[in-house]
Amino acid sequence: MPQRRNEPSMQKPDEGMAKIAAATGGGYFELTSPGDLLGKFDRVIDELHHQYALGFVPQKLDGKLHDLTVKVNKPGYTVRARKRYLRAARLTVRCSGAMSR
């Protein structure tokens, strides 16, 4: 089908993007047409308003990769989380922002 004169062309996304998003616990929303943009934004907004951030501190710092599993006991909920994490070999504290006396 020929492209309409004022309609922007759509490029296929990099095939690896969905894999990266799944491995890191991120979301992946593929835009299939310019008219679908508002619907995708609505999904992103909805997810941002219904998400939780969990954290933990490992008991031992060993510098190795470890599997990570996050589960919920409530039907209808979906968990997206990274599949593995790297335990640091030592604790590093970083500060950002301005410091004053």
C-alpha atoms as a PDB file:
ATOM      1  CA  MET A   1       0.000   0.000   0.000  1.00  0.00           C
ATOM      2  CA  PRO A   2       1.487   3.394  -0.922  1.00  0.00           C
ATOM      3  CA  GLN A   3       2.265   5.811   1.889  1.00  0.00           C
ATOM      4  CA  ARG A   4      -0.010   8.821   2.271  1.00  0.00           C
ATOM      5  CA  ARG A   5       1.592  12.156   1.580  1.00  0.00           C
ATOM      6  CA  ASN A   6       1.579  13.603   5.164  1.00  0.00           C
ATOM      7  CA  GLU A   7       1.866  10.323   7.067  1.00  0.00           C
ATOM      8  CA  PRO A   8       5.310   9.691   8.620  1.00  0.00           C
ATOM      9  CA  SER A   9       7.061   6.464   7.638  1.00  0.00           C
ATOM     10  CA  MET A  10       7.289   3.712  10.252  1.00  0.00           C
ATOM     11  CA  GLN A  11      10.534   1.837  10.760  1.00  0.00           C
ATOM     12  CA  LYS A  12      10.674  -1.593  12.346  1.00  0.00           C
ATOM     13  CA  PRO A  13      12.286  -1.486  15.807  1.00  0.00           C
ATOM     14  CA  ASP A  14      15.482  -3.322  16.606  1.00  0.00           C
ATOM     15  CA  GLU A  15      14.546  -6.956  17.294  1.00  0.00           C
ATOM     16  CA  GLY A  16      16.732  -6.988  20.395  1.00  0.00           C
ATOM     17  CA  MET A  17      14.753  -4.257  22.191  1.00  0.00           C
ATOM     18  CA  ALA A  18      12.005  -6.618  23.399  1.00  0.00           C
ATOM     19  CA  LYS A  19      14.646  -9.070  24.654  1.00  0.00           C
ATOM     20  CA  ILE A  20      16.534  -6.357  26.529  1.00  0.00           C
ATOM     21  CA  ALA A  21      13.318  -5.069  28.094  1.00  0.00           C
ATOM     22  CA  ALA A  22      12.333  -8.584  29.246  1.00  0.00           C
ATOM     23  CA  ALA A  23      15.783  -9.368  30.681  1.00  0.00           C
ATOM     24  CA  THR A  24      15.965  -6.126  32.657  1.00  0.00           C
ATOM     25  CA  GLY A  25      12.370  -6.007  33.867  1.00  0.00           C
ATOM     26  CA  GLY A  26      11.430  -3.134  31.590  1.00  0.00           C
ATOM     27  CA  GLY A  27       8.351  -2.616  29.488  1.00  0.00           C
ATOM     28  CA  TYR A  28       8.230  -2.880  25.716  1.00  0.00           C
ATOM     29  CA  PHE A  29       5.558  -1.133  23.677  1.00  0.00           C
ATOM     30  CA  GLU A  30       5.875  -1.398  19.918  1.00  0.00           C
ATOM     31  CA  LEU A  31       4.260   1.351  17.915  1.00  0.00           C
ATOM     32  CA  THR A  32       2.579  -0.228  14.884  1.00  0.00           C
ATOM     33  CA  SER A  33       1.161   2.953  13.367  1.00  0.00           C
ATOM     34  CA  PRO A  34       1.299   6.697  14.079  1.00  0.00           C
ATOM     35  CA  GLY A  35      -2.380   6.561  15.057  1.00  0.00           C
ATOM     36  CA  ASP A  36      -1.501   4.115  17.834  1.00  0.00           C
ATOM     37  CA  LEU A  37       0.721   6.624  19.670  1.00  0.00           C
ATOM     38  CA  LEU A  38      -1.898   7.884  22.144  1.00  0.00           C
ATOM     39  CA  GLY A  39      -2.934   4.333  23.042  1.00  0.00           C
ATOM     40  CA  LYS A  40       0.679   3.393  23.807  1.00  0.00           C
ATOM     41  CA  PHE A  41       1.142   6.522  25.921  1.00  0.00           C
ATOM     42  CA  ASP A  42      -2.023   5.642  27.843  1.00  0.00           C
ATOM     43  CA  ARG A  43      -0.597   2.169  28.606  1.00  0.00           C
ATOM     44  CA  VAL A  44       2.710   3.653  29.784  1.00  0.00           C
ATOM     45  CA  ILE A  45       0.918   6.192  31.996  1.00  0.00           C
ATOM     46  CA  ASP A  46      -1.285   3.459  33.473  1.00  0.00           C
ATOM     47  CA  GLU A  47       1.738   1.294  34.274  1.00  0.00           C
ATOM     48  CA  LEU A  48       3.629   4.174  35.861  1.00  0.00           C
ATOM     49  CA  HIS A  49       0.680   4.803  38.180  1.00  0.00           C
ATOM     50  CA  HIS A  50       0.395   1.142  39.205  1.00  0.00           C
ATOM     51  CA  GLN A  51       3.955   0.041  39.833  1.00  0.00           C
ATOM     52  CA  TYR A  52       6.038  -0.710  42.882  1.00  0.00           C
ATOM     53  CA  ALA A  53       9.789  -0.639  43.353  1.00  0.00           C
ATOM     54  CA  LEU A  54      11.291  -3.326  45.561  1.00  0.00           C
ATOM     55  CA  GLY A  55      14.828  -3.459  46.848  1.00  0.00           C
ATOM     56  CA  PHE A  56      16.990  -5.597  49.062  1.00  0.00           C
ATOM     57  CA  VAL A  57      20.531  -5.754  50.357  1.00  0.00           C
ATOM     58  CA  PRO A  58      22.340  -9.074  49.881  1.00  0.00           C
ATOM     59  CA  GLN A  59      23.906 -10.503  53.035  1.00  0.00           C
ATOM     60  CA  LYS A  60      27.177 -11.255  51.300  1.00  0.00           C
ATOM     61  CA  LEU A  61      29.077  -9.259  48.647  1.00  0.00           C
ATOM     62  CA  ASP A  62      30.706 -11.803  46.345  1.00  0.00           C
ATOM     63  CA  GLY A  63      30.945 -10.119  42.907  1.00  0.00           C
ATOM     64  CA  LYS A  64      28.914 -12.910  41.228  1.00  0.00           C
ATOM     65  CA  LEU A  65      25.727 -13.072  39.123  1.00  0.00           C
ATOM     66  CA  HIS A  66      22.669 -14.478  40.905  1.00  0.00           C
ATOM     67  CA  ASP A  67      19.211 -15.478  39.664  1.00  0.00           C
ATOM     68  CA  LEU A  68      16.299 -13.386  40.869  1.00  0.00           C
ATOM     69  CA  THR A  69      12.647 -14.432  41.078  1.00  0.00           C
ATOM     70  CA  VAL A  70       9.788 -12.153  42.130  1.00  0.00           C
ATOM     71  CA  LYS A  71       6.318 -13.664  42.676  1.00  0.00           C
ATOM     72  CA  VAL A  72       2.943 -12.328  43.791  1.00  0.00           C
ATOM     73  CA  ASN A  73       0.099 -14.335  45.311  1.00  0.00           C
ATOM     74  CA  LYS A  74      -2.699 -12.176  43.924  1.00  0.00           C
ATOM     75  CA  PRO A  75      -4.472 -13.296  40.718  1.00  0.00           C
ATOM     76  CA  GLY A  76      -4.516 -10.800  37.879  1.00  0.00           C
ATOM     77  CA  TYR A  77      -1.217  -9.135  38.770  1.00  0.00           C
ATOM     78  CA  THR A  78       1.824  -9.268  36.514  1.00  0.00           C
ATOM     79  CA  VAL A  79       5.412  -9.066  37.706  1.00  0.00           C
ATOM     80  CA  ARG A  80       8.150  -7.626  35.544  1.00  0.00           C
ATOM     81  CA  ALA A  81      11.578  -7.842  37.101  1.00  0.00           C
ATOM     82  CA  ARG A  82      15.119  -8.445  36.015  1.00  0.00           C
ATOM     83  CA  LYS A  83      16.084 -12.114  35.809  1.00  0.00           C
ATOM     84  CA  ARG A  84      19.549 -11.800  37.353  1.00  0.00           C
ATOM     85  CA  TYR A  85      21.586  -9.343  39.369  1.00  0.00           C
ATOM     86  CA  LEU A  86      25.265  -8.793  40.075  1.00  0.00           C
ATOM     87  CA  ARG A  87      26.281  -8.687  43.705  1.00  0.00           C
ATOM     88  CA  ALA A  88      29.009  -6.124  44.059  1.00  0.00           C
ATOM     89  CA  ALA A  89      32.355  -7.325  45.334  1.00  0.00           C
ATOM     90  CA  ARG A  90      32.373  -4.369  47.727  1.00  0.00           C
ATOM     91  CA  LEU A  91      29.951  -1.683  48.813  1.00  0.00           C
ATOM     92  CA  THR A  92      30.228   1.616  46.930  1.00  0.00           C
ATOM     93  CA  VAL A  93      28.397   4.733  48.103  1.00  0.00           C
ATOM     94  CA  ARG A  94      27.718   7.433  45.535  1.00  0.00           C
ATOM     95  CA  CYS A  95      26.470  10.929  46.225  1.00  0.00           C
ATOM     96  CA  SER A  96      24.846  13.246  43.757  1.00  0.00           C
ATOM     97  CA  GLY A  97      23.877  16.859  44.007  1.00  0.00           C
ATOM     98  CA  ALA A  98      25.533  19.831  45.660  1.00  0.00           C
ATOM     99  CA  MET A  99      27.176  19.643  49.048  1.00  0.00           C
ATOM    100  CA  SER A 100      27.642  22.552  51.437  1.00  0.00           C
ATOM    101  CA  ARG A 101      28.817  23.187  54.990  1.00  0.00           C
END
